[in-house]
C-alpha atoms as a PDB file:
ATOM      1  CA  MET A   1      78.664  59.646  97.971  1.00  0.00           C
ATOM      2  CA  THR A   2      77.024  58.586  94.719  1.00  0.00           C
ATOM      3  CA  GLN A   3      77.921  60.187  91.404  1.00  0.00           C
ATOM      4  CA  PHE A   4      76.019  59.804  88.135  1.00  0.00           C
ATOM      5  CA  ILE A   5      77.415  60.474  84.655  1.00  0.00           C
ATOM      6  CA  GLY A   6      75.091  60.309  81.667  1.00  0.00           C
ATOM      7  CA  LEU A   7      76.334  58.455  78.610  1.00  0.00           C
ATOM      8  CA  ARG A   8      75.855  60.488  75.449  1.00  0.00           C
ATOM      9  CA  ARG A   9      75.307  58.619  72.217  1.00  0.00           C
ATOM     10  CA  SER A  10      77.848  59.164  69.493  1.00  0.00           C
ATOM     11  CA  ALA A  11      76.770  61.181  66.461  1.00  0.00           C
ATOM     12  CA  LYS A  12      76.957  58.014  64.362  1.00  0.00           C
ATOM     13  CA  GLY A  13      74.691  56.164  66.819  1.00  0.00           C
ATOM     14  CA  GLU A  14      72.201  59.055  66.804  1.00  0.00           C
ATOM     15  CA  LYS A  15      72.154  59.014  63.000  1.00  0.00           C
ATOM     16  CA  VAL A  16      71.478  55.269  62.929  1.00  0.00           C
ATOM     17  CA  LEU A  17      68.544  55.691  65.341  1.00  0.00           C
ATOM     18  CA  LEU A  18      67.196  58.643  63.351  1.00  0.00           C
ATOM     19  CA  LEU A  19      67.478  56.715  60.092  1.00  0.00           C
ATOM     20  CA  ASN A  20      65.612  53.844  61.741  1.00  0.00           C
ATOM     21  CA  ASP A  21      62.844  56.291  62.715  1.00  0.00           C
ATOM     22  CA  MET A  22      62.693  57.860  59.240  1.00  0.00           C
ATOM     23  CA  ILE A  23      62.188  54.613  57.289  1.00  0.00           C
ATOM     24  CA  PRO A  24      58.470  54.288  58.245  1.00  0.00           C
ATOM     25  CA  SER A  25      57.841  57.872  57.131  1.00  0.00           C
ATOM     26  CA  LEU A  26      59.447  57.095  53.772  1.00  0.00           C
ATOM     27  CA  ILE A  27      57.179  54.049  53.454  1.00  0.00           C
ATOM     28  CA  LEU A  28      54.201  56.246  54.404  1.00  0.00           C
ATOM     29  CA  LEU A  29      55.142  58.760  51.679  1.00  0.00           C
ATOM     30  CA  ILE A  30      55.583  56.055  49.022  1.00  0.00           C
ATOM     31  CA  THR A  31      52.309  54.397  50.023  1.00  0.00           C
ATOM     32  CA  GLY A  32      50.513  57.736  49.775  1.00  0.00           C
ATOM     33  CA  ILE A  33      51.920  58.382  46.314  1.00  0.00           C
ATOM     34  CA  GLY A  34      50.935  54.854  45.197  1.00  0.00           C
ATOM     35  CA  THR A  35      47.407  55.298  46.559  1.00  0.00           C
ATOM     36  CA  LEU A  36      47.095  58.701  44.873  1.00  0.00           C
ATOM     37  CA  LEU A  37      48.240  57.298  41.523  1.00  0.00           C
ATOM     38  CA  SER A  38      45.715  54.442  41.744  1.00  0.00           C
ATOM     39  CA  ARG A  39      43.013  56.992  42.669  1.00  0.00           C
ATOM     40  CA  ALA A  40      41.679  54.663  45.365  1.00  0.00           C
ATOM     41  CA  ASN A  41      41.254  57.016  48.332  1.00  0.00           C
ATOM     42  CA  THR A  42      42.415  60.573  47.653  1.00  0.00           C
ATOM     43  CA  SER A  43      41.986  61.965  51.169  1.00  0.00           C
ATOM     44  CA  LEU A  44      43.946  59.106  52.764  1.00  0.00           C
ATOM     45  CA  ALA A  45      46.626  59.386  50.083  1.00  0.00           C
ATOM     46  CA  LEU A  46      47.039  63.118  50.670  1.00  0.00           C
ATOM     47  CA  ALA A  47      47.195  62.591  54.445  1.00  0.00           C
ATOM     48  CA  ASN A  48      49.925  59.959  53.987  1.00  0.00           C
ATOM     49  CA  ILE A  49      51.911  62.153  51.600  1.00  0.00           C
ATOM     50  CA  VAL A  50      51.724  65.213  53.850  1.00  0.00           C
ATOM     51  CA  SER A  51      52.513  63.334  57.057  1.00  0.00           C
ATOM     52  CA  GLY A  52      55.324  61.236  55.529  1.00  0.00           C
ATOM     53  CA  GLY A  53      56.839  64.279  53.821  1.00  0.00           C
ATOM     54  CA  LEU A  54      56.625  66.382  56.986  1.00  0.00           C
ATOM     55  CA  ILE A  55      58.343  63.734  59.108  1.00  0.00           C
ATOM     56  CA  LEU A  56      61.053  63.273  56.451  1.00  0.00           C
ATOM     57  CA  ALA A  57      61.651  67.036  56.249  1.00  0.00           C
ATOM     58  CA  VAL A  58      61.961  67.410  60.031  1.00  0.00           C
ATOM     59  CA  GLY A  59      64.130  64.262  60.161  1.00  0.00           C
ATOM     60  CA  ALA A  60      66.461  65.691  57.501  1.00  0.00           C
ATOM     61  CA  ARG A  61      66.714  68.914  59.505  1.00  0.00           C
ATOM     62  CA  LYS A  62      67.582  66.947  62.637  1.00  0.00           C
ATOM     63  CA  TRP A  63      70.135  64.902  60.664  1.00  0.00           C
ATOM     64  CA  ARG A  64      71.965  68.086  59.695  1.00  0.00           C
ATOM     65  CA  ALA A  65      71.775  69.397  63.266  1.00  0.00           C
ATOM     66  CA  LEU A  66      73.442  66.258  64.663  1.00  0.00           C
ATOM     67  CA  SER A  67      76.779  67.230  63.146  1.00  0.00           C
ATOM     68  CA  LYS A  68      76.668  70.702  64.739  1.00  0.00           C
ATOM     69  CA  GLN A  69      76.747  69.372  68.336  1.00  0.00           C
ATOM     70  CA  TYR A  70      74.144  71.581  69.958  1.00  0.00           C
ATOM     71  CA  HIS A  71      71.078  70.603  71.910  1.00  0.00           C
ATOM     72  CA  GLN A  72      67.631  72.074  71.367  1.00  0.00           C
ATOM     73  CA  ARG A  73      65.122  72.235  74.190  1.00  0.00           C
ATOM     74  CA  ILE A  74      62.255  71.271  71.885  1.00  0.00           C
ATOM     75  CA  GLN A  75      62.772  68.041  69.933  1.00  0.00           C
ATOM     76  CA  TRP A  76      60.812  68.875  66.803  1.00  0.00           C
ATOM     77  CA  TYR A  77      61.096  65.381  65.355  1.00  0.00           C
ATOM     78  CA  ASP A  78      59.239  63.919  68.354  1.00  0.00           C
ATOM     79  CA  VAL A  79      56.624  66.694  68.278  1.00  0.00           C
ATOM     80  CA  VAL A  80      55.908  66.251  64.555  1.00  0.00           C
ATOM     81  CA  SER A  81      55.915  62.444  64.822  1.00  0.00           C
ATOM     82  CA  GLY A  82      53.484  62.651  67.730  1.00  0.00           C
ATOM     83  CA  GLY A  83      51.248  65.002  65.743  1.00  0.00           C
ATOM     84  CA  VAL A  84      51.214  62.669  62.748  1.00  0.00           C
ATOM     85  CA  MET A  85      50.496  59.717  65.014  1.00  0.00           C
ATOM     86  CA  LEU A  86      47.636  61.706  66.582  1.00  0.00           C
ATOM     87  CA  LEU A  87      46.238  62.355  63.090  1.00  0.00           C
ATOM     88  CA  ASP A  88      46.500  58.644  62.222  1.00  0.00           C
ATOM     89  CA  ALA A  89      44.762  57.705  65.473  1.00  0.00           C
ATOM     90  CA  ALA A  90      41.938  60.152  64.743  1.00  0.00           C
ATOM     91  CA  MET A  91      41.481  58.614  61.297  1.00  0.00           C
ATOM     92  CA  MET A  92      41.419  55.070  62.759  1.00  0.00           C
ATOM     93  CA  TYR A  93      39.149  55.841  65.702  1.00  0.00           C
ATOM     94  CA  LYS A  94      35.606  54.449  65.603  1.00  0.00           C
ATOM     95  CA  PRO A  95      33.524  55.910  68.453  1.00  0.00           C
ATOM     96  CA  TRP A  96      30.921  53.145  68.394  1.00  0.00           C
ATOM     97  CA  LYS A  97      33.515  50.484  69.289  1.00  0.00           C
ATOM     98  CA  GLY A  98      35.006  49.814  72.719  1.00  0.00           C
ATOM     99  CA  PHE A  99      38.760  49.594  73.234  1.00  0.00           C
ATOM    100  CA  GLN A 100      40.717  49.666  69.984  1.00  0.00           C
ATOM    101  CA  PRO A 101      44.291  50.205  68.726  1.00  0.00           C
ATOM    102  CA  ALA A 102      43.528  53.897  68.159  1.00  0.00           C
ATOM    103  CA  ASP A 103      43.398  54.331  71.960  1.00  0.00           C
ATOM    104  CA  ILE A 104      47.004  53.132  72.221  1.00  0.00           C
ATOM    105  CA  TYR A 105      47.968  55.431  69.315  1.00  0.00           C
ATOM    106  CA  PHE A 106      46.373  58.385  71.123  1.00  0.00           C
ATOM    107  CA  ALA A 107      48.323  57.640  74.305  1.00  0.00           C
ATOM    108  CA  LEU A 108      51.625  57.181  72.445  1.00  0.00           C
ATOM    109  CA  SER A 109      51.160  60.333  70.382  1.00  0.00           C
ATOM    110  CA  ILE A 110      50.447  62.430  73.485  1.00  0.00           C
ATOM    111  CA  PHE A 111      53.537  60.918  75.145  1.00  0.00           C
ATOM    112  CA  LEU A 112      55.699  61.753  72.091  1.00  0.00           C
ATOM    113  CA  ILE A 113      54.451  65.336  71.945  1.00  0.00           C
ATOM    114  CA  LEU A 114      55.018  65.908  75.666  1.00  0.00           C
ATOM    115  CA  LYS A 115      58.475  64.304  75.445  1.00  0.00           C
ATOM    116  CA  GLY A 116      59.351  66.482  72.448  1.00  0.00           C
ATOM    117  CA  LEU A 117      58.272  69.615  74.314  1.00  0.00           C
ATOM    118  CA  ALA A 118      60.442  68.497  77.287  1.00  0.00           C
ATOM    119  CA  LEU A 119      57.417  68.328  79.601  1.00  0.00           C
ATOM    120  CA  ILE A 120      58.075  64.623  80.235  1.00  0.00           C
ATOM    121  CA  LYS A 121      61.630  63.446  80.739  1.00  0.00           C
ATOM    122  CA  PRO A 122      61.950  59.663  80.649  1.00  0.00           C
ATOM    123  CA  LYS A 123      64.542  58.235  83.018  1.00  0.00           C
ATOM    124  CA  ASP A 124      67.863  57.867  81.250  1.00  0.00           C
ATOM    125  CA  LEU A 125      69.036  54.279  81.508  1.00  0.00           C
ATOM    126  CA  ARG A 126      72.338  54.981  79.788  1.00  0.00           C
ATOM    127  CA  ARG A 127      74.554  56.137  82.638  1.00  0.00           C
ATOM    128  CA  LEU A 128      77.452  55.426  84.940  1.00  0.00           C
ATOM    129  CA  LYS A 129      76.798  55.226  88.667  1.00  0.00           C
ATOM    130  CA  ILE A 130      79.804  55.480  90.993  1.00  0.00           C
ATOM    131  CA  SER A 131      79.366  54.863  94.710  1.00  0.00           C
ATOM    132  CA  ASP A 132      81.619  54.080  97.665  1.00  0.00           C
ATOM    133  CA  GLU A 133      81.044  50.331  97.172  1.00  0.00           C
ATOM    134  CA  GLY A 134      81.672  50.159  93.424  1.00  0.00           C
ATOM    135  CA  PHE A 135      80.361  51.219  90.052  1.00  0.00           C
ATOM    136  CA  ALA A 136      77.630  50.197  87.636  1.00  0.00           C
ATOM    137  CA  ILE A 137      77.492  51.190  84.001  1.00  0.00           C
ATOM    138  CA  ARG A 138      74.536  50.662  81.687  1.00  0.00           C
ATOM    139  CA  THR A 139      74.945  51.335  77.974  1.00  0.00           C
ATOM    140  CA  GLY A 140      71.543  50.023  76.916  1.00  0.00           C
ATOM    141  CA  PRO A 141      68.526  48.123  78.163  1.00  0.00           C
ATOM    142  CA  PHE A 142      70.356  44.773  78.000  1.00  0.00           C
ATOM    143  CA  PHE A 143      73.981  45.825  78.508  1.00  0.00           C
ATOM    144  CA  ARG A 144      75.354  46.605  81.940  1.00  0.00           C
ATOM    145  CA  LEU A 145      78.358  45.925  84.112  1.00  0.00           C
ATOM    146  CA  ARG A 146      78.557  46.065  87.906  1.00  0.00           C
ATOM    147  CA  CYS A 147      81.735  45.768  89.921  1.00  0.00           C
ATOM    148  CA  LEU A 148      82.630  46.229  93.587  1.00  0.00           C
ATOM    149  CA  TRP A 149      85.830  48.148  94.265  1.00  0.00           C
ATOM    150  CA  LYS A 150      87.170  45.306  96.440  1.00  0.00           C
ATOM    151  CA  ASP A 151      86.934  42.922  93.452  1.00  0.00           C
ATOM    152  CA  VAL A 152      88.615  45.228  90.918  1.00  0.00           C
ATOM    153  CA  GLU A 153      92.271  44.515  90.210  1.00  0.00           C
ATOM    154  CA  THR A 154      92.794  46.724  87.137  1.00  0.00           C
ATOM    155  CA  ILE A 155      90.702  48.782  84.758  1.00  0.00           C
ATOM    156  CA  THR A 156      91.802  49.458  81.206  1.00  0.00           C
ATOM    157  CA  MET A 157      90.206  50.708  78.047  1.00  0.00           C
ATOM    158  CA  ASP A 158      90.877  49.458  74.556  1.00  0.00           C
ATOM    159  CA  ASP A 159      89.502  51.069  71.400  1.00  0.00           C
ATOM    160  CA  THR A 160      85.854  50.248  72.020  1.00  0.00           C
ATOM    161  CA  SER A 161      85.497  48.580  75.433  1.00  0.00           C
ATOM    162  CA  LEU A 162      85.999  49.117  79.134  1.00  0.00           C
ATOM    163  CA  VAL A 163      87.882  46.098  80.520  1.00  0.00           C
ATOM    164  CA  VAL A 164      87.787  45.255  84.236  1.00  0.00           C
ATOM    165  CA  LEU A 165      90.054  42.536  85.605  1.00  0.00           C
ATOM    166  CA  THR A 166      88.659  40.767  88.692  1.00  0.00           C
ATOM    167  CA  PRO A 167      89.687  37.569  90.530  1.00  0.00           C
ATOM    168  CA  GLU A 168      86.944  35.732  88.589  1.00  0.00           C
ATOM    169  CA  GLY A 169      88.358  36.895  85.258  1.00  0.00           C
ATOM    170  CA  GLU A 170      87.911  39.662  82.732  1.00  0.00           C
ATOM    171  CA  LYS A 171      84.678  41.632  82.479  1.00  0.00           C
ATOM    172  CA  ARG A 172      84.063  43.818  79.473  1.00  0.00           C
ATOM    173  CA  ILE A 173      81.441  46.298  78.271  1.00  0.00           C
ATOM    174  CA  SER A 174      81.396  47.989  74.890  1.00  0.00           C
ATOM    175  CA  LEU A 175      81.559  51.793  74.815  1.00  0.00           C
ATOM    176  CA  ARG A 176      81.564  51.927  71.017  1.00  0.00           C
ATOM    177  CA  ARG A 177      78.382  54.026  70.843  1.00  0.00           C
ATOM    178  CA  VAL A 178      79.292  56.322  73.739  1.00  0.00           C
ATOM    179  CA  GLU A 179      80.515  59.816  72.879  1.00  0.00           C
ATOM    180  CA  ASN A 180      81.993  60.647  76.314  1.00  0.00           C
ATOM    181  CA  LYS A 181      83.846  57.369  76.921  1.00  0.00           C
ATOM    182  CA  ASP A 182      87.033  59.143  78.004  1.00  0.00           C
ATOM    183  CA  GLU A 183      85.118  61.039  80.710  1.00  0.00           C
ATOM    184  CA  VAL A 184      83.606  57.741  81.909  1.00  0.00           C
ATOM    185  CA  TYR A 185      87.012  56.041  82.014  1.00  0.00           C
ATOM    186  CA  GLN A 186      88.671  58.910  83.890  1.00  0.00           C
ATOM    187  CA  ALA A 187      85.841  59.056  86.449  1.00  0.00           C
ATOM    188  CA  ILE A 188      86.143  55.331  87.154  1.00  0.00           C
ATOM    189  CA  LEU A 189      89.937  55.554  87.442  1.00  0.00           C
ATOM    190  CA  ALA A 190      89.722  58.542  89.804  1.00  0.00           C
ATOM    191  CA  SER A 191      87.256  56.677  92.033  1.00  0.00           C
ATOM    192  CA  LEU A 192      89.384  53.506  91.998  1.00  0.00           C
ATOM    193  CA  LYS A 193      92.443  55.388  93.285  1.00  0.00           C
ATOM    194  CA  LYS A 194      90.568  56.804  96.300  1.00  0.00           C
END
């Protein structure tokens, strides 16, 4: 029997990712204000100000919602970001040319909108998989740990990491950005004792 447990990001990790997403919108807003003050291209400046301000406002709303620990079906930040990206792609698009970067922008904006509306659910790579042979945990695209039950001598958990002792030595994976690390640890221990 195979069991999967999703790894939820900690609130601090979610805030870091959200802040990373909000920095380009802040740059967009500042660029729009600078363009408006220089009176170079008023329509582009207003589009940058509106889109940057809208993304920042929705991002600030999401920031406040992260501390309340509830999940919304519609991810408004993704929907608004996809809409702004769609607007940028429409402004960049030149119909007389062949393939251009605006085509990629169109595809990404549609993906973001559909993801935000929960019509597309990308496969979650951050998860724990427990099977009869062993377990595999992936905390990110480049961080994973696989162990067979027959090779596991002990499993412990320190403040931030899951530590597995095997005949080859110690294997460790950081769970610092995982909210439900206790659930993960207990599930692995329960499966080890079987």
